[in-house]
PDB file of all heavy atoms in Angstrom:
ATOM      1  N   THR A   1      52.452 123.059 131.072  1.00  0.00           N
ATOM      2  CA  THR A   1      52.565 124.524 131.057  1.00  0.00           C
ATOM      3  C   THR A   1      51.605 125.178 132.030  1.00  0.00           C
ATOM      4  O   THR A   1      51.782 126.274 132.521  1.00  0.00           O
ATOM      5  CB  THR A   1      52.191 125.026 129.681  1.00  0.00           C
ATOM      6  OG1 THR A   1      50.947 124.704 129.269  1.00  0.00           O
ATOM      7  CG2 THR A   1      53.243 124.567 128.609  1.00  0.00           C
ATOM      8  N   VAL A   2      50.507 124.405 132.368  1.00  0.00           N
ATOM      9  CA  VAL A   2      49.510 124.936 133.288  1.00  0.00           C
ATOM     10  C   VAL A   2      49.630 124.419 134.717  1.00  0.00           C
ATOM     11  O   VAL A   2      49.594 125.227 135.737  1.00  0.00           O
ATOM     12  CB  VAL A   2      48.052 124.613 132.794  1.00  0.00           C
ATOM     13  CG1 VAL A   2      47.024 125.015 133.841  1.00  0.00           C
ATOM     14  CG2 VAL A   2      47.798 125.167 131.444  1.00  0.00           C
ATOM     15  N   ALA A   3      49.924 123.178 134.881  1.00  0.00           N
ATOM     16  CA  ALA A   3      49.860 122.574 136.229  1.00  0.00           C
ATOM     17  C   ALA A   3      51.232 121.922 136.645  1.00  0.00           C
ATOM     18  O   ALA A   3      51.384 121.302 137.672  1.00  0.00           O
ATOM     19  CB  ALA A   3      48.845 121.551 136.277  1.00  0.00           C
ATOM     20  N   GLY A   4      52.221 122.101 135.817  1.00  0.00           N
ATOM     21  CA  GLY A   4      53.539 121.469 136.051  1.00  0.00           C
ATOM     22  C   GLY A   4      53.524 120.105 135.522  1.00  0.00           C
ATOM     23  O   GLY A   4      52.433 119.449 135.255  1.00  0.00           O
ATOM     24  N   PRO A   5      54.706 119.474 135.325  1.00  0.00           N
ATOM     25  CA  PRO A   5      54.749 118.182 134.726  1.00  0.00           C
ATOM     26  C   PRO A   5      54.098 117.131 135.663  1.00  0.00           C
ATOM     27  O   PRO A   5      54.466 117.103 136.886  1.00  0.00           O
ATOM     28  CB  PRO A   5      56.194 117.929 134.447  1.00  0.00           C
ATOM     29  CG  PRO A   5      56.891 118.881 135.339  1.00  0.00           C
ATOM     30  CD  PRO A   5      56.021 120.054 135.556  1.00  0.00           C
ATOM     31  N   PRO A   6      53.231 116.278 135.168  1.00  0.00           N
ATOM     32  CA  PRO A   6      52.700 115.223 136.062  1.00  0.00           C
ATOM     33  C   PRO A   6      53.706 114.129 136.341  1.00  0.00           C
ATOM     34  O   PRO A   6      54.623 113.887 135.485  1.00  0.00           O
ATOM     35  CB  PRO A   6      51.562 114.658 135.203  1.00  0.00           C
ATOM     36  CG  PRO A   6      51.944 114.993 133.776  1.00  0.00           C
ATOM     37  CD  PRO A   6      52.739 116.221 133.813  1.00  0.00           C
ATOM     38  N   ARG A   7      53.678 113.605 137.537  1.00  0.00           N
ATOM     39  CA  ARG A   7      54.537 112.512 137.827  1.00  0.00           C
ATOM     40  C   ARG A   7      53.770 111.231 137.775  1.00  0.00           C
ATOM     41  O   ARG A   7      52.643 111.172 138.159  1.00  0.00           O
ATOM     42  CB  ARG A   7      55.224 112.744 139.174  1.00  0.00           C
ATOM     43  CG  ARG A   7      54.274 112.562 140.376  1.00  0.00           C
ATOM     44  CD  ARG A   7      54.930 112.873 141.686  1.00  0.00           C
ATOM     45  NE  ARG A   7      54.347 112.257 142.887  1.00  0.00           N
ATOM     46  CZ  ARG A   7      53.112 112.242 143.245  1.00  0.00           C
ATOM     47  NH1 ARG A   7      52.188 112.834 142.509  1.00  0.00           N
ATOM     48  NH2 ARG A   7      52.663 111.657 144.320  1.00  0.00           N
ATOM     49  N   PHE A   8      54.397 110.187 137.216  1.00  0.00           N
ATOM     50  CA  PHE A   8      53.755 108.921 137.098  1.00  0.00           C
ATOM     51  C   PHE A   8      54.456 107.900 137.879  1.00  0.00           C
ATOM     52  O   PHE A   8      55.129 107.000 137.433  1.00  0.00           O
ATOM     53  CB  PHE A   8      53.645 108.509 135.638  1.00  0.00           C
ATOM     54  CG  PHE A   8      52.752 109.332 134.780  1.00  0.00           C
ATOM     55  CD1 PHE A   8      53.173 110.412 134.038  1.00  0.00           C
ATOM     56  CD2 PHE A   8      51.343 109.119 134.828  1.00  0.00           C
ATOM     57  CE1 PHE A   8      52.374 111.180 133.272  1.00  0.00           C
ATOM     58  CE2 PHE A   8      50.541 109.945 134.076  1.00  0.00           C
ATOM     59  CZ  PHE A   8      50.988 110.965 133.296  1.00  0.00           C
ATOM     60  N   ASP A   9      54.309 107.983 139.221  1.00  0.00           N
ATOM     61  CA  ASP A   9      54.977 107.000 140.118  1.00  0.00           C
ATOM     62  C   ASP A   9      54.027 105.897 140.314  1.00  0.00           C
ATOM     63  O   ASP A   9      52.960 105.771 139.736  1.00  0.00           O
ATOM     64  CB  ASP A   9      55.358 107.698 141.438  1.00  0.00           C
ATOM     65  CG  ASP A   9      54.176 108.344 142.202  1.00  0.00           C
ATOM     66  OD1 ASP A   9      53.034 107.984 141.809  1.00  0.00           O
ATOM     67  OD2 ASP A   9      54.464 109.090 143.145  1.00  0.00           O
ATOM     68  N   GLY A  10      54.440 105.051 141.181  1.00  0.00           N
ATOM     69  CA  GLY A  10      53.645 103.770 141.416  1.00  0.00           C
ATOM     70  C   GLY A  10      52.205 104.139 141.924  1.00  0.00           C
ATOM     71  O   GLY A  10      51.244 103.481 141.524  1.00  0.00           O
ATOM     72  N   SER A  11      52.079 105.104 142.804  1.00  0.00           N
ATOM     73  CA  SER A  11      50.745 105.478 143.336  1.00  0.00           C
ATOM     74  C   SER A  11      49.806 106.005 142.222  1.00  0.00           C
ATOM     75  O   SER A  11      48.653 105.657 142.114  1.00  0.00           O
ATOM     76  CB  SER A  11      50.907 106.538 144.448  1.00  0.00           C
ATOM     77  OG  SER A  11      49.638 107.068 144.817  1.00  0.00           O
ATOM     78  N   VAL A  12      50.374 106.872 141.307  1.00  0.00           N
ATOM     79  CA  VAL A  12      49.652 107.361 140.252  1.00  0.00           C
ATOM     80  C   VAL A  12      49.241 106.331 139.287  1.00  0.00           C
ATOM     81  O   VAL A  12      48.071 106.250 138.884  1.00  0.00           O
ATOM     82  CB  VAL A  12      50.390 108.557 139.608  1.00  0.00           C
ATOM     83  CG1 VAL A  12      49.657 108.943 138.264  1.00  0.00           C
ATOM     84  CG2 VAL A  12      50.511 109.765 140.481  1.00  0.00           C
ATOM     85  N   ARG A  13      50.156 105.448 138.998  1.00  0.00           N
ATOM     86  CA  ARG A  13      49.795 104.367 138.001  1.00  0.00           C
ATOM     87  C   ARG A  13      48.749 103.413 138.581  1.00  0.00           C
ATOM     88  O   ARG A  13      47.884 102.899 137.819  1.00  0.00           O
ATOM     89  CB  ARG A  13      51.084 103.649 137.648  1.00  0.00           C
ATOM     90  CG  ARG A  13      51.928 104.402 136.703  1.00  0.00           C
ATOM     91  CD  ARG A  13      53.106 103.508 136.096  1.00  0.00           C
ATOM     92  NE  ARG A  13      53.802 104.316 135.107  1.00  0.00           N
ATOM     93  CZ  ARG A  13      54.926 105.010 135.364  1.00  0.00           C
ATOM     94  NH1 ARG A  13      55.517 104.776 136.540  1.00  0.00           N
ATOM     95  NH2 ARG A  13      55.547 105.669 134.404  1.00  0.00           N
ATOM     96  N   LEU A  14      48.767 103.180 139.897  1.00  0.00           N
ATOM     97  CA  LEU A  14      47.816 102.315 140.539  1.00  0.00           C
ATOM     98  C   LEU A  14      46.415 103.039 140.375  1.00  0.00           C
ATOM     99  O   LEU A  14      45.402 102.391 140.086  1.00  0.00           O
ATOM    100  CB  LEU A  14      48.128 102.028 141.951  1.00  0.00           C
ATOM    101  CG  LEU A  14      47.048 101.241 142.769  1.00  0.00           C
ATOM    102  CD1 LEU A  14      46.836  99.855 142.111  1.00  0.00           C
ATOM    103  CD2 LEU A  14      47.533 101.118 144.192  1.00  0.00           C
ATOM    104  N   ARG A  15      46.329 104.279 140.742  1.00  0.00           N
ATOM    105  CA  ARG A  15      45.107 105.020 140.673  1.00  0.00           C
ATOM    106  C   ARG A  15      44.608 105.125 139.259  1.00  0.00           C
ATOM    107  O   ARG A  15      43.366 104.939 138.998  1.00  0.00           O
ATOM    108  CB  ARG A  15      45.267 106.435 141.338  1.00  0.00           C
ATOM    109  CG  ARG A  15      45.474 106.393 142.764  1.00  0.00           C
ATOM    110  CD  ARG A  15      45.346 107.665 143.586  1.00  0.00           C
ATOM    111  NE  ARG A  15      45.641 108.935 142.867  1.00  0.00           N
ATOM    112  CZ  ARG A  15      46.782 109.509 142.869  1.00  0.00           C
ATOM    113  NH1 ARG A  15      47.820 109.053 143.556  1.00  0.00           N
ATOM    114  NH2 ARG A  15      46.933 110.693 142.328  1.00  0.00           N
ATOM    115  N   LEU A  16      45.496 105.277 138.243  1.00  0.00           N
ATOM    116  CA  LEU A  16      45.053 105.283 136.891  1.00  0.00           C
ATOM    117  C   LEU A  16      44.411 103.977 136.530  1.00  0.00           C
ATOM    118  O   LEU A  16      43.404 103.879 135.868  1.00  0.00           O
ATOM    119  CB  LEU A  16      46.274 105.543 135.964  1.00  0.00           C
ATOM    120  CG  LEU A  16      46.667 106.991 135.717  1.00  0.00           C
ATOM    121  CD1 LEU A  16      48.039 107.017 135.044  1.00  0.00           C
ATOM    122  CD2 LEU A  16      45.597 107.752 134.999  1.00  0.00           C
ATOM    123  N   ALA A  17      45.001 102.865 136.913  1.00  0.00           N
ATOM    124  CA  ALA A  17      44.494 101.522 136.657  1.00  0.00           C
ATOM    125  C   ALA A  17      43.086 101.381 137.264  1.00  0.00           C
ATOM    126  O   ALA A  17      42.153 100.858 136.690  1.00  0.00           O
ATOM    127  CB  ALA A  17      45.406 100.416 137.138  1.00  0.00           C
ATOM    128  N   LEU A  18      42.918 101.773 138.519  1.00  0.00           N
ATOM    129  CA  LEU A  18      41.670 101.640 139.229  1.00  0.00           C
ATOM    130  C   LEU A  18      40.529 102.554 138.531  1.00  0.00           C
ATOM    131  O   LEU A  18      39.412 102.105 138.341  1.00  0.00           O
ATOM    132  CB  LEU A  18      41.767 101.999 140.698  1.00  0.00           C
ATOM    133  CG  LEU A  18      42.612 100.975 141.490  1.00  0.00           C
ATOM    134  CD1 LEU A  18      42.846 101.598 142.920  1.00  0.00           C
ATOM    135  CD2 LEU A  18      41.850  99.669 141.595  1.00  0.00           C
ATOM    136  N   TYR A  19      40.892 103.843 138.261  1.00  0.00           N
ATOM    137  CA  TYR A  19      39.969 104.691 137.518  1.00  0.00           C
ATOM    138  C   TYR A  19      39.610 104.108 136.187  1.00  0.00           C
ATOM    139  O   TYR A  19      38.524 104.201 135.729  1.00  0.00           O
ATOM    140  CB  TYR A  19      40.556 106.089 137.364  1.00  0.00           C
ATOM    141  CG  TYR A  19      40.724 106.860 138.746  1.00  0.00           C
ATOM    142  CD1 TYR A  19      41.821 107.717 138.921  1.00  0.00           C
ATOM    143  CD2 TYR A  19      39.860 106.694 139.758  1.00  0.00           C
ATOM    144  CE1 TYR A  19      42.017 108.332 140.102  1.00  0.00           C
ATOM    145  CE2 TYR A  19      40.030 107.348 140.976  1.00  0.00           C
ATOM    146  CZ  TYR A  19      41.120 108.171 141.179  1.00  0.00           C
ATOM    147  OH  TYR A  19      41.324 108.871 142.324  1.00  0.00           O
ATOM    148  N   ARG A  20      40.529 103.568 135.431  1.00  0.00           N
ATOM    149  CA  ARG A  20      40.306 102.977 134.152  1.00  0.00           C
ATOM    150  C   ARG A  20      39.342 101.837 134.239  1.00  0.00           C
ATOM    151  O   ARG A  20      38.461 101.704 133.497  1.00  0.00           O
ATOM    152  CB  ARG A  20      41.661 102.532 133.536  1.00  0.00           C
ATOM    153  CG  ARG A  20      41.516 102.147 132.067  1.00  0.00           C
ATOM    154  CD  ARG A  20      42.882 101.794 131.430  1.00  0.00           C
ATOM    155  NE  ARG A  20      43.709 103.041 131.388  1.00  0.00           N
ATOM    156  CZ  ARG A  20      44.935 103.129 132.009  1.00  0.00           C
ATOM    157  NH1 ARG A  20      45.422 102.121 132.719  1.00  0.00           N
ATOM    158  NH2 ARG A  20      45.617 104.243 131.879  1.00  0.00           N
ATOM    159  N   ALA A  21      39.617 100.991 135.249  1.00  0.00           N
ATOM    160  CA  ALA A  21      38.812  99.811 135.466  1.00  0.00           C
ATOM    161  C   ALA A  21      37.278 100.297 135.790  1.00  0.00           C
ATOM    162  O   ALA A  21      36.344  99.745 135.254  1.00  0.00           O
ATOM    163  CB  ALA A  21      39.256  98.922 136.623  1.00  0.00           C
ATOM    164  N   SER A  22      37.254 101.269 136.585  1.00  0.00           N
ATOM    165  CA  SER A  22      35.919 101.844 136.982  1.00  0.00           C
ATOM    166  C   SER A  22      35.185 102.330 135.723  1.00  0.00           C
ATOM    167  O   SER A  22      33.988 102.140 135.540  1.00  0.00           O
ATOM    168  CB  SER A  22      36.032 102.927 138.049  1.00  0.00           C
ATOM    169  OG  SER A  22      34.889 103.587 138.337  1.00  0.00           O
ATOM    170  N   LEU A  23      35.833 103.175 134.909  1.00  0.00           N
ATOM    171  CA  LEU A  23      35.260 103.807 133.798  1.00  0.00           C
ATOM    172  C   LEU A  23      34.814 102.733 132.782  1.00  0.00           C
ATOM    173  O   LEU A  23      33.706 102.746 132.194  1.00  0.00           O
ATOM    174  CB  LEU A  23      36.202 104.821 133.096  1.00  0.00           C
ATOM    175  CG  LEU A  23      35.711 105.401 131.802  1.00  0.00           C
ATOM    176  CD1 LEU A  23      34.416 106.182 132.100  1.00  0.00           C
ATOM    177  CD2 LEU A  23      36.775 106.311 131.219  1.00  0.00           C
ATOM    178  N   TYR A  24      35.676 101.701 132.553  1.00  0.00           N
ATOM    179  CA  TYR A  24      35.391 100.696 131.543  1.00  0.00           C
ATOM    180  C   TYR A  24      34.213  99.817 132.028  1.00  0.00           C
ATOM    181  O   TYR A  24      33.325  99.391 131.250  1.00  0.00           O
ATOM    182  CB  TYR A  24      36.556  99.815 131.279  1.00  0.00           C
ATOM    183  CG  TYR A  24      37.677 100.452 130.566  1.00  0.00           C
ATOM    184  CD1 TYR A  24      38.953  99.904 130.482  1.00  0.00           C
ATOM    185  CD2 TYR A  24      37.542 101.727 129.998  1.00  0.00           C
ATOM    186  CE1 TYR A  24      40.020 100.527 129.774  1.00  0.00           C
ATOM    187  CE2 TYR A  24      38.598 102.410 129.377  1.00  0.00           C
ATOM    188  CZ  TYR A  24      39.837 101.794 129.205  1.00  0.00           C
ATOM    189  OH  TYR A  24      40.785 102.396 128.581  1.00  0.00           O
TER     190      TYR A  24
END
């Protein structure tokens, strides 16, 4: 509703995995 629907393509999923690894 604020920023539009997020897209979860391959690039986004890869960045999520890297950010998750960094945070953990």
